[in-house]
C-alpha atoms as a PDB file:
ATOM      1  CA  MET A   1       0.000   0.000   0.000  1.00  0.00           C
ATOM      2  CA  SER A   2       1.258   3.492  -0.744  1.00  0.00           C
ATOM      3  CA  THR A   3       0.430   6.847   0.790  1.00  0.00           C
ATOM      4  CA  LEU A   4      -0.425   9.946  -1.200  1.00  0.00           C
ATOM      5  CA  THR A   5      -0.146  13.217   0.706  1.00  0.00           C
ATOM      6  CA  VAL A   6      -1.875  16.284  -0.718  1.00  0.00           C
ATOM      7  CA  LYS A   7      -2.842  19.633   0.746  1.00  0.00           C
ATOM      8  CA  GLU A   8      -6.021  20.147  -1.285  1.00  0.00           C
ATOM      9  CA  LEU A   9      -8.060  18.317  -3.895  1.00  0.00           C
ATOM     10  CA  SER A  10      -9.621  20.382  -6.648  1.00  0.00           C
ATOM     11  CA  HIS A  11     -11.516  19.777  -9.865  1.00  0.00           C
ATOM     12  CA  PRO A  12     -12.294  21.754 -13.014  1.00  0.00           C
ATOM     13  CA  ALA A  13     -15.516  23.808 -12.964  1.00  0.00           C
ATOM     14  CA  GLY A  14     -18.566  21.653 -13.611  1.00  0.00           C
ATOM     15  CA  GLN A  15     -16.759  18.437 -12.666  1.00  0.00           C
ATOM     16  CA  VAL A  16     -16.786  16.343  -9.472  1.00  0.00           C
ATOM     17  CA  ILE A  17     -14.203  14.242  -7.679  1.00  0.00           C
ATOM     18  CA  LYS A  18     -15.234  10.585  -8.005  1.00  0.00           C
ATOM     19  CA  ILE A  19     -14.282   7.369  -6.263  1.00  0.00           C
ATOM     20  CA  ALA A  20     -13.801   4.451  -8.652  1.00  0.00           C
ATOM     21  CA  ALA A  21     -16.603   1.876  -8.823  1.00  0.00           C
ATOM     22  CA  GLY A  22     -16.166  -0.849  -6.224  1.00  0.00           C
ATOM     23  CA  LYS A  23     -13.716   1.243  -4.171  1.00  0.00           C
ATOM     24  CA  THR A  24     -14.277   2.821  -0.741  1.00  0.00           C
ATOM     25  CA  LEU A  25     -13.139   6.153   0.608  1.00  0.00           C
ATOM     26  CA  ASP A  26     -12.642   5.418   4.317  1.00  0.00           C
ATOM     27  CA  LEU A  27     -12.924   8.670   6.270  1.00  0.00           C
ATOM     28  CA  LYS A  28     -13.070   7.116   9.719  1.00  0.00           C
ATOM     29  CA  SER A  29      -9.967   4.907   9.833  1.00  0.00           C
ATOM     30  CA  GLN A  30      -7.522   7.745  10.521  1.00  0.00           C
ATOM     31  CA  GLY A  31      -7.677  11.459  11.119  1.00  0.00           C
ATOM     32  CA  THR A  32     -10.856  13.500  11.174  1.00  0.00           C
ATOM     33  CA  THR A  33     -13.394  14.813   8.717  1.00  0.00           C
ATOM     34  CA  THR A  34     -14.892  18.280   8.891  1.00  0.00           C
ATOM     35  CA  LEU A  35     -18.466  18.598   7.676  1.00  0.00           C
ATOM     36  CA  PRO A  36     -20.333  21.843   7.008  1.00  0.00           C
ATOM     37  CA  ALA A  37     -22.452  23.356   9.791  1.00  0.00           C
ATOM     38  CA  GLY A  38     -25.936  21.863   9.845  1.00  0.00           C
ATOM     39  CA  SER A  39     -24.802  18.383   8.788  1.00  0.00           C
ATOM     40  CA  VAL A  40     -26.579  15.459  10.432  1.00  0.00           C
ATOM     41  CA  LEU A  41     -23.943  13.510  12.345  1.00  0.00           C
ATOM     42  CA  LYS A  42     -26.038  10.865  14.076  1.00  0.00           C
ATOM     43  CA  VAL A  43     -29.659   9.688  14.171  1.00  0.00           C
ATOM     44  CA  ALA A  44     -31.450   7.710  16.891  1.00  0.00           C
ATOM     45  CA  SER A  45     -35.058   6.633  17.250  1.00  0.00           C
ATOM     46  CA  ALA A  46     -37.320   4.834  19.691  1.00  0.00           C
ATOM     47  CA  SER A  47     -40.880   3.567  19.865  1.00  0.00           C
ATOM     48  CA  SER A  48     -43.149   1.934  22.413  1.00  0.00           C
ATOM     49  CA  ALA A  49     -46.610   0.421  22.438  1.00  0.00           C
ATOM     50  CA  SER A  50     -46.811   0.146  26.244  1.00  0.00           C
ATOM     51  CA  THR A  51     -50.079   1.482  27.671  1.00  0.00           C
ATOM     52  CA  LEU A  52     -50.258   3.807  30.687  1.00  0.00           C
ATOM     53  CA  THR A  53     -53.514   4.570  32.518  1.00  0.00           C
ATOM     54  CA  THR A  54     -53.449   7.325  35.149  1.00  0.00           C
ATOM     55  CA  SER A  55     -55.583   9.952  36.856  1.00  0.00           C
ATOM     56  CA  SER A  56     -52.641  11.454  38.738  1.00  0.00           C
ATOM     57  CA  ALA A  57     -52.373  15.224  39.116  1.00  0.00           C
ATOM     58  CA  SER A  58     -48.580  14.736  39.355  1.00  0.00           C
ATOM     59  CA  TYR A  59     -46.381  13.831  36.401  1.00  0.00           C
ATOM     60  CA  VAL A  60     -46.120  10.106  35.611  1.00  0.00           C
ATOM     61  CA  GLU A  61     -43.608   8.758  33.086  1.00  0.00           C
ATOM     62  CA  LEU A  62     -45.349   7.442  29.962  1.00  0.00           C
ATOM     63  CA  THR A  63     -43.235   4.282  30.053  1.00  0.00           C
ATOM     64  CA  SER A  64     -39.733   3.438  31.230  1.00  0.00           C
ATOM     65  CA  ASN A  65     -39.046   1.521  28.004  1.00  0.00           C
ATOM     66  CA  PHE A  66     -39.535   4.699  25.929  1.00  0.00           C
ATOM     67  CA  ARG A  67     -36.427   6.749  26.642  1.00  0.00           C
ATOM     68  CA  PRO A  68     -34.858   7.813  23.350  1.00  0.00           C
ATOM     69  CA  THR A  69     -31.118   8.423  23.818  1.00  0.00           C
ATOM     70  CA  ILE A  70     -28.341   9.909  21.706  1.00  0.00           C
ATOM     71  CA  THR A  71     -24.657  10.474  22.517  1.00  0.00           C
ATOM     72  CA  PRO A  72     -23.338  13.572  20.710  1.00  0.00           C
ATOM     73  CA  THR A  73     -19.885  13.395  19.122  1.00  0.00           C
ATOM     74  CA  SER A  74     -19.153  17.056  19.924  1.00  0.00           C
ATOM     75  CA  THR A  75     -20.058  19.471  22.721  1.00  0.00           C
ATOM     76  CA  SER A  76     -20.914  22.094  20.084  1.00  0.00           C
ATOM     77  CA  SER A  77     -23.565  19.906  18.399  1.00  0.00           C
ATOM     78  CA  SER A  78     -27.277  20.497  18.808  1.00  0.00           C
ATOM     79  CA  VAL A  79     -29.926  17.788  19.044  1.00  0.00           C
ATOM     80  CA  GLN A  80     -33.190  18.047  17.134  1.00  0.00           C
ATOM     81  CA  TYR A  81     -35.996  15.998  18.633  1.00  0.00           C
ATOM     82  CA  SER A  82     -39.441  14.979  17.433  1.00  0.00           C
ATOM     83  CA  PHE A  83     -41.969  13.058  19.542  1.00  0.00           C
ATOM     84  CA  ALA A  84     -45.294  11.616  18.360  1.00  0.00           C
ATOM     85  CA  LEU A  85     -47.419  10.622  21.372  1.00  0.00           C
ATOM     86  CA  ASN A  86     -50.962   9.255  21.560  1.00  0.00           C
ATOM     87  CA  VAL A  87     -53.229  10.218  24.468  1.00  0.00           C
ATOM     88  CA  ASN A  88     -56.814   9.195  25.149  1.00  0.00           C
ATOM     89  CA  ALA A  89     -59.547   9.817  27.730  1.00  0.00           C
ATOM     90  CA  ASP A  90     -60.838   6.472  28.985  1.00  0.00           C
ATOM     91  CA  THR A  91     -64.529   7.223  28.374  1.00  0.00           C
ATOM     92  CA  ASP A  92     -66.600   9.248  25.936  1.00  0.00           C
ATOM     93  CA  THR A  93     -65.942  12.971  26.445  1.00  0.00           C
ATOM     94  CA  GLU A  94     -69.460  13.922  25.407  1.00  0.00           C
ATOM     95  CA  ALA A  95     -71.090  11.805  28.108  1.00  0.00           C
ATOM     96  CA  HIS A  96     -68.506  12.467  30.807  1.00  0.00           C
ATOM     97  CA  GLY A  97     -67.451  16.083  30.267  1.00  0.00           C
ATOM     98  CA  TYR A  98     -64.241  18.015  30.127  1.00  0.00           C
ATOM     99  CA  VAL A  99     -60.794  16.557  30.757  1.00  0.00           C
ATOM    100  CA  SER A 100     -57.417  18.265  30.395  1.00  0.00           C
ATOM    101  CA  ALA A 101     -53.884  16.910  30.560  1.00  0.00           C
ATOM    102  CA  THR A 102     -50.313  18.173  30.171  1.00  0.00           C
ATOM    103  CA  ILE A 103     -47.346  16.372  28.605  1.00  0.00           C
ATOM    104  CA  LYS A 104     -43.726  17.311  29.269  1.00  0.00           C
ATOM    105  CA  ILE A 105     -40.345  16.075  28.100  1.00  0.00           C
ATOM    106  CA  ASP A 106     -37.327  16.158  30.394  1.00  0.00           C
ATOM    107  CA  MET A 107     -33.728  15.910  29.213  1.00  0.00           C
ATOM    108  CA  TYR A 108     -31.271  13.825  31.229  1.00  0.00           C
ATOM    109  CA  ILE A 109     -27.505  14.069  30.694  1.00  0.00           C
ATOM    110  CA  GLY A 110     -25.369  11.243  32.016  1.00  0.00           C
ATOM    111  CA  GLY A 111     -28.395   9.953  33.962  1.00  0.00           C
ATOM    112  CA  SER A 112     -29.097  13.236  35.810  1.00  0.00           C
ATOM    113  CA  LEU A 113     -32.012  15.579  35.120  1.00  0.00           C
ATOM    114  CA  SER A 114     -30.767  18.534  33.113  1.00  0.00           C
ATOM    115  CA  SER A 115     -33.963  20.424  32.255  1.00  0.00           C
ATOM    116  CA  THR A 116     -37.570  20.323  31.136  1.00  0.00           C
ATOM    117  CA  ILE A 117     -37.308  21.064  27.439  1.00  0.00           C
ATOM    118  CA  TYR A 118     -40.938  20.958  26.388  1.00  0.00           C
ATOM    119  CA  GLU A 119     -44.312  21.229  28.059  1.00  0.00           C
ATOM    120  CA  LYS A 120     -47.673  21.167  26.303  1.00  0.00           C
ATOM    121  CA  GLY A 121     -50.917  21.639  28.201  1.00  0.00           C
ATOM    122  CA  ASN A 122     -54.604  21.480  27.327  1.00  0.00           C
ATOM    123  CA  ILE A 123     -54.524  18.216  25.460  1.00  0.00           C
ATOM    124  CA  LEU A 124     -57.817  16.280  25.608  1.00  0.00           C
ATOM    125  CA  ASP A 125     -59.674  19.504  26.321  1.00  0.00           C
ATOM    126  CA  ARG A 126     -62.674  19.160  24.035  1.00  0.00           C
ATOM    127  CA  ALA A 127     -65.837  18.054  25.758  1.00  0.00           C
ATOM    128  CA  GLY A 128     -68.232  16.574  23.218  1.00  0.00           C
ATOM    129  CA  GLN A 129     -65.589  16.071  20.536  1.00  0.00           C
ATOM    130  CA  THR A 130     -62.784  13.631  19.780  1.00  0.00           C
ATOM    131  CA  ARG A 131     -61.213  11.924  22.761  1.00  0.00           C
ATOM    132  CA  MET A 132     -57.988  10.667  21.117  1.00  0.00           C
ATOM    133  CA  ARG A 133     -55.133  13.060  20.498  1.00  0.00           C
ATOM    134  CA  HIS A 134     -52.009  12.521  18.469  1.00  0.00           C
ATOM    135  CA  VAL A 135     -49.585  15.001  20.041  1.00  0.00           C
ATOM    136  CA  VAL A 136     -46.419  16.016  18.168  1.00  0.00           C
ATOM    137  CA  LEU A 137     -43.653  17.784  20.084  1.00  0.00           C
ATOM    138  CA  PHE A 138     -40.458  18.988  18.423  1.00  0.00           C
ATOM    139  CA  GLY A 139     -37.574  21.343  18.953  1.00  0.00           C
ATOM    140  CA  THR A 140     -33.810  21.741  19.225  1.00  0.00           C
ATOM    141  CA  VAL A 141     -31.560  21.665  22.298  1.00  0.00           C
ATOM    142  CA  SER A 142     -27.843  22.295  22.794  1.00  0.00           C
ATOM    143  CA  PRO A 143     -26.830  19.857  25.541  1.00  0.00           C
ATOM    144  CA  ASN A 144     -23.116  20.889  25.496  1.00  0.00           C
ATOM    145  CA  THR A 145     -21.946  17.343  26.228  1.00  0.00           C
ATOM    146  CA  THR A 146     -20.542  14.173  24.722  1.00  0.00           C
ATOM    147  CA  SER A 147     -22.310  12.097  27.389  1.00  0.00           C
ATOM    148  CA  ALA A 148     -25.529  10.212  26.721  1.00  0.00           C
ATOM    149  CA  VAL A 149     -28.542  12.538  26.368  1.00  0.00           C
ATOM    150  CA  GLU A 150     -31.799  10.794  27.292  1.00  0.00           C
ATOM    151  CA  PHE A 151     -35.336  12.105  26.836  1.00  0.00           C
ATOM    152  CA  ARG A 152     -38.217  11.025  29.097  1.00  0.00           C
ATOM    153  CA  SER A 153     -41.909  11.817  28.552  1.00  0.00           C
ATOM    154  CA  TYR A 154     -44.422  12.482  31.331  1.00  0.00           C
ATOM    155  CA  ILE A 155     -48.152  13.175  31.579  1.00  0.00           C
ATOM    156  CA  LYS A 156     -50.485  14.475  34.291  1.00  0.00           C
ATOM    157  CA  LEU A 157     -54.199  15.137  34.628  1.00  0.00           C
ATOM    158  CA  ASP A 158     -54.946  18.866  35.003  1.00  0.00           C
ATOM    159  CA  ALA A 159     -58.734  18.856  35.194  1.00  0.00           C
ATOM    160  CA  GLY A 160     -61.514  16.296  35.219  1.00  0.00           C
ATOM    161  CA  SER A 161     -61.784  13.088  37.182  1.00  0.00           C
ATOM    162  CA  ARG A 162     -61.382  10.404  34.531  1.00  0.00           C
ATOM    163  CA  ASN A 163     -58.386   8.292  33.656  1.00  0.00           C
ATOM    164  CA  ILE A 164     -56.156   9.292  30.789  1.00  0.00           C
ATOM    165  CA  GLN A 165     -54.487   6.609  28.726  1.00  0.00           C
ATOM    166  CA  THR A 166     -51.557   6.544  26.355  1.00  0.00           C
ATOM    167  CA  CYS A 167     -50.869   4.275  23.378  1.00  0.00           C
ATOM    168  CA  MET A 168     -54.381   2.846  23.122  1.00  0.00           C
ATOM    169  CA  GLY A 169     -54.120   0.719  19.970  1.00  0.00           C
ATOM    170  CA  SER A 170     -51.181   2.779  18.744  1.00  0.00           C
ATOM    171  CA  HIS A 171     -47.614   3.615  19.758  1.00  0.00           C
ATOM    172  CA  HIS A 172     -45.319   6.462  20.757  1.00  0.00           C
ATOM    173  CA  SER A 173     -42.326   7.262  18.562  1.00  0.00           C
ATOM    174  CA  ALA A 174     -39.375   9.624  18.746  1.00  0.00           C
ATOM    175  CA  SER A 175     -36.541  10.691  16.443  1.00  0.00           C
ATOM    176  CA  LEU A 176     -33.321  12.392  17.528  1.00  0.00           C
ATOM    177  CA  MET A 177     -30.691  13.941  15.241  1.00  0.00           C
ATOM    178  CA  GLU A 178     -27.293  15.292  16.195  1.00  0.00           C
ATOM    179  CA  VAL A 179     -26.565  18.346  14.031  1.00  0.00           C
ATOM    180  CA  SER A 180     -23.093  19.877  13.664  1.00  0.00           C
ATOM    181  CA  ALA A 181     -22.470  23.479  14.699  1.00  0.00           C
END
């Protein structure tokens, strides 16, 4: 094997640098690669079909087997998150009146609570209308770490006296993306 050392690769206008068919350009065996800001460096996802039934006025974790986690490669990276959660009132809202609930997402770094990053109230708040809600939560955080970043979802009953349920005949899902600075 031989080594070719160059300072910069260039190509004529309108042309591209190509790798021969059947050959591999290995950028991870030695050295580092610098990607432009905004590049997706890592993707993680999670899903769960576990059901939770609660009427607690205090936050209850949706399920302990739904904790999407990503470990950033750089402290300057941000993490974009997207959660799709399903919440239901256990009986017909028209016959049993108003119910309201709040969902929140907490971020844990290295196993310790870092912050509440999202909170959405007034779900299931339509007496006489649909009782199932598909709740989508998304945003971007800058955890400033290369330790594992874990997201946990919680729900609580704000008003009404009925049980609220999650994942009835459906599932929760989450996507996480590490994005370079």
